[in-house]
N, C-alpha and C. Protein backbone atom coordinates (compact mmCIF):
# COMPACT_ATOMS: atom_id res chain seq x y z
N MET A 1 29.89 269.25 50.68
CA MET A 1 30.37 268.31 51.68
C MET A 1 30.18 268.92 53.06
N SER A 2 29.59 268.18 53.96
CA SER A 2 29.30 268.71 55.29
C SER A 2 30.51 268.57 56.21
N ASP A 3 30.63 269.48 57.14
CA ASP A 3 31.69 269.44 58.13
C ASP A 3 31.26 268.51 59.25
N GLN A 4 31.93 267.37 59.37
CA GLN A 4 31.56 266.38 60.37
C GLN A 4 32.28 266.59 61.70
N SER A 5 33.16 267.59 61.78
CA SER A 5 33.91 267.80 63.02
C SER A 5 33.00 268.19 64.18
N ASN A 6 31.84 268.75 63.89
CA ASN A 6 30.91 269.14 64.95
C ASN A 6 29.89 268.05 65.27
N GLN A 7 29.96 266.95 64.55
CA GLN A 7 29.02 265.87 64.76
C GLN A 7 29.43 265.05 65.98
N PRO A 8 28.50 264.69 66.86
CA PRO A 8 28.86 263.89 68.03
C PRO A 8 29.24 262.47 67.63
N ARG A 9 30.21 261.91 68.31
CA ARG A 9 30.57 260.52 68.11
C ARG A 9 29.60 259.65 68.89
N THR A 10 29.45 258.44 68.46
CA THR A 10 28.63 257.49 69.20
C THR A 10 29.49 256.28 69.54
N ALA A 11 29.09 255.56 70.54
CA ALA A 11 29.83 254.38 70.96
C ALA A 11 29.72 253.29 69.89
N SER A 12 30.77 252.48 69.78
CA SER A 12 30.78 251.39 68.80
C SER A 12 29.78 250.31 69.20
N ALA A 13 29.50 249.43 68.26
CA ALA A 13 28.58 248.32 68.53
C ALA A 13 29.10 247.43 69.66
N VAL A 14 30.41 247.22 69.72
CA VAL A 14 30.99 246.41 70.78
C VAL A 14 30.76 247.09 72.13
N THR A 15 30.99 248.40 72.17
CA THR A 15 30.82 249.14 73.42
C THR A 15 29.36 249.17 73.85
N ARG A 16 28.46 249.36 72.88
CA ARG A 16 27.03 249.34 73.22
C ARG A 16 26.62 247.99 73.77
N SER A 17 27.14 246.92 73.20
CA SER A 17 26.84 245.58 73.69
C SER A 17 27.39 245.40 75.11
N PHE A 18 28.59 245.90 75.35
CA PHE A 18 29.19 245.85 76.68
C PHE A 18 28.27 246.51 77.70
N PHE A 19 27.78 247.72 77.40
CA PHE A 19 26.92 248.43 78.35
C PHE A 19 25.57 247.74 78.52
N SER A 20 25.10 247.06 77.51
CA SER A 20 23.87 246.28 77.63
C SER A 20 24.08 245.14 78.63
N HIS A 21 25.22 244.45 78.51
CA HIS A 21 25.53 243.37 79.45
C HIS A 21 25.76 243.91 80.85
N LEU A 22 26.38 245.07 80.95
CA LEU A 22 26.62 245.69 82.25
C LEU A 22 25.29 245.98 82.95
N ALA A 23 24.35 246.54 82.21
CA ALA A 23 23.04 246.86 82.78
C ALA A 23 22.30 245.58 83.19
N ALA A 24 22.37 244.56 82.35
CA ALA A 24 21.70 243.30 82.66
C ALA A 24 22.27 242.64 83.91
N ALA A 25 23.58 242.82 84.11
CA ALA A 25 24.24 242.23 85.28
C ALA A 25 23.96 243.03 86.55
N GLY A 26 23.48 244.26 86.38
CA GLY A 26 23.19 245.09 87.55
C GLY A 26 24.43 245.57 88.27
N VAL A 27 25.54 245.64 87.56
CA VAL A 27 26.80 246.09 88.15
C VAL A 27 26.96 247.59 87.88
N SER A 28 27.28 248.35 88.91
CA SER A 28 27.47 249.79 88.73
C SER A 28 28.82 250.06 88.08
N GLN A 29 28.95 251.21 87.45
CA GLN A 29 30.23 251.58 86.85
C GLN A 29 31.30 251.75 87.93
N GLU A 30 30.92 252.18 89.11
CA GLU A 30 31.87 252.33 90.20
C GLU A 30 32.42 250.96 90.63
N THR A 31 31.55 249.98 90.76
CA THR A 31 31.98 248.62 91.10
C THR A 31 32.85 248.05 89.99
N LEU A 32 32.43 248.26 88.77
CA LEU A 32 33.20 247.78 87.62
C LEU A 32 34.60 248.39 87.63
N ALA A 33 34.69 249.67 87.93
CA ALA A 33 35.99 250.35 87.97
C ALA A 33 36.90 249.71 89.02
N LYS A 34 36.36 249.48 90.20
CA LYS A 34 37.16 248.88 91.28
C LYS A 34 37.64 247.48 90.91
N ARG A 35 36.77 246.70 90.31
CA ARG A 35 37.11 245.31 90.00
C ARG A 35 37.98 245.16 88.75
N SER A 36 37.87 246.09 87.81
CA SER A 36 38.62 245.97 86.56
C SER A 36 39.95 246.72 86.57
N GLY A 37 40.08 247.67 87.49
CA GLY A 37 41.29 248.48 87.52
C GLY A 37 41.24 249.67 86.58
N CYS A 38 40.10 249.89 85.95
CA CYS A 38 39.90 251.05 85.07
C CYS A 38 39.28 252.19 85.87
N HIS A 39 39.56 253.41 85.48
CA HIS A 39 38.94 254.56 86.14
C HIS A 39 37.49 254.65 85.70
N VAL A 40 36.61 255.07 86.60
CA VAL A 40 35.19 255.17 86.29
C VAL A 40 34.94 256.14 85.13
N ASN A 41 35.76 257.17 85.00
CA ASN A 41 35.60 258.12 83.88
C ASN A 41 35.85 257.46 82.53
N THR A 42 36.63 256.38 82.54
CA THR A 42 36.88 255.63 81.30
C THR A 42 35.56 255.13 80.73
N PHE A 43 34.71 254.59 81.58
CA PHE A 43 33.44 254.04 81.12
C PHE A 43 32.50 255.14 80.63
N TYR A 44 32.51 256.27 81.30
CA TYR A 44 31.71 257.41 80.85
C TYR A 44 32.15 257.83 79.45
N SER A 45 33.45 257.89 79.23
CA SER A 45 33.98 258.29 77.92
C SER A 45 33.60 257.29 76.84
N TRP A 46 33.62 256.00 77.19
CA TRP A 46 33.21 254.98 76.23
C TRP A 46 31.75 255.14 75.87
N LYS A 47 30.92 255.30 76.90
CA LYS A 47 29.47 255.32 76.69
C LYS A 47 29.05 256.52 75.85
N THR A 48 29.70 257.64 76.04
CA THR A 48 29.34 258.85 75.31
C THR A 48 30.04 258.95 73.96
N GLY A 49 30.98 258.05 73.69
CA GLY A 49 31.71 258.09 72.44
C GLY A 49 32.85 259.09 72.44
N LYS A 50 33.16 259.67 73.59
CA LYS A 50 34.27 260.62 73.67
C LYS A 50 35.61 259.92 73.52
N ALA A 51 35.65 258.64 73.84
CA ALA A 51 36.87 257.85 73.69
C ALA A 51 36.48 256.44 73.29
N SER A 52 37.36 255.79 72.58
CA SER A 52 37.16 254.39 72.22
C SER A 52 37.84 253.51 73.25
N ALA A 53 37.27 252.37 73.49
CA ALA A 53 37.84 251.44 74.46
C ALA A 53 39.12 250.83 73.92
N SER A 54 40.14 250.77 74.76
CA SER A 54 41.34 250.02 74.38
C SER A 54 41.04 248.54 74.60
N VAL A 55 41.72 247.70 73.87
CA VAL A 55 41.48 246.26 74.01
C VAL A 55 41.79 245.79 75.43
N PRO A 56 42.94 246.15 76.04
CA PRO A 56 43.19 245.68 77.40
C PRO A 56 42.14 246.14 78.41
N ASN A 57 41.68 247.37 78.31
CA ASN A 57 40.66 247.85 79.24
C ASN A 57 39.32 247.17 79.00
N MET A 58 38.95 246.97 77.74
CA MET A 58 37.70 246.27 77.45
C MET A 58 37.76 244.84 77.95
N GLU A 59 38.89 244.17 77.75
CA GLU A 59 39.04 242.80 78.24
C GLU A 59 38.92 242.74 79.76
N ALA A 60 39.52 243.69 80.46
CA ALA A 60 39.45 243.72 81.93
C ALA A 60 38.01 243.94 82.39
N ALA A 61 37.31 244.86 81.74
CA ALA A 61 35.92 245.15 82.11
C ALA A 61 35.01 243.96 81.79
N LEU A 62 35.21 243.35 80.65
CA LEU A 62 34.41 242.18 80.29
C LEU A 62 34.64 241.02 81.25
N ALA A 63 35.87 240.84 81.69
CA ALA A 63 36.18 239.74 82.61
C ALA A 63 35.41 239.87 83.91
N VAL A 64 35.20 241.11 84.37
CA VAL A 64 34.41 241.34 85.58
C VAL A 64 33.00 240.80 85.40
N LEU A 65 32.49 240.90 84.17
CA LEU A 65 31.13 240.44 83.87
C LEU A 65 31.09 238.97 83.46
N GLY A 66 32.25 238.31 83.48
CA GLY A 66 32.31 236.90 83.07
C GLY A 66 32.22 236.73 81.57
N LEU A 67 32.66 237.75 80.83
CA LEU A 67 32.61 237.73 79.37
C LEU A 67 34.02 237.86 78.80
N GLU A 68 34.17 237.54 77.52
CA GLU A 68 35.45 237.71 76.85
C GLU A 68 35.24 238.27 75.45
N LEU A 69 36.26 238.94 74.96
CA LEU A 69 36.25 239.48 73.61
C LEU A 69 36.78 238.39 72.69
N VAL A 70 36.05 238.10 71.62
CA VAL A 70 36.41 237.00 70.73
C VAL A 70 36.55 237.54 69.31
N ILE A 71 37.58 237.06 68.62
CA ILE A 71 37.77 237.39 67.20
C ILE A 71 37.42 236.14 66.41
N ARG A 72 36.55 236.33 65.43
CA ARG A 72 36.16 235.19 64.61
C ARG A 72 36.08 235.64 63.15
N PRO A 73 36.26 234.73 62.23
CA PRO A 73 36.21 235.11 60.81
C PRO A 73 34.81 235.52 60.38
N ILE A 74 34.76 236.49 59.47
CA ILE A 74 33.47 236.88 58.92
C ILE A 74 33.24 236.21 57.57
N ASN A 75 34.32 235.66 56.99
CA ASN A 75 34.21 234.93 55.73
C ASN A 75 34.28 233.44 56.01
N SER A 76 33.53 232.67 55.27
CA SER A 76 33.56 231.23 55.47
C SER A 76 34.74 230.58 54.79
N LYS A 77 35.39 231.29 53.85
CA LYS A 77 36.50 230.74 53.11
C LYS A 77 37.77 231.57 53.38
N PRO A 78 38.78 230.97 54.00
CA PRO A 78 40.03 231.71 54.27
C PRO A 78 40.69 232.26 53.00
N GLU A 79 40.51 231.57 51.87
CA GLU A 79 41.13 232.06 50.62
C GLU A 79 40.53 233.39 50.15
N ASP A 80 39.31 233.72 50.61
CA ASP A 80 38.71 235.01 50.26
C ASP A 80 39.48 236.17 50.87
N ILE A 81 40.14 235.93 51.99
CA ILE A 81 40.88 236.98 52.67
C ILE A 81 42.15 237.31 51.89
N ALA A 82 42.80 236.30 51.32
CA ALA A 82 44.06 236.48 50.60
C ALA A 82 43.86 237.20 49.27
N ALA A 83 42.68 237.16 48.72
CA ALA A 83 42.46 237.72 47.38
C ALA A 83 42.47 239.24 47.36
């Protein structure tokens, strides 16, 4: 069994998508920090995988870009969840 404690973390798919939208919008992390109320180092930590985004911070950052975090079912049948 390998020791994974030395393995680098990577950003989640949600975070990678966020940074893709950020780049497409042409908004700097500094501007995003000012408008979202998050510290600029927060975004660096997300991007490098050193920290995971909290839901309130991600929602604030997404709102600056005119986006929202949405929860939707992955199963087509609600009864599959109860089983």
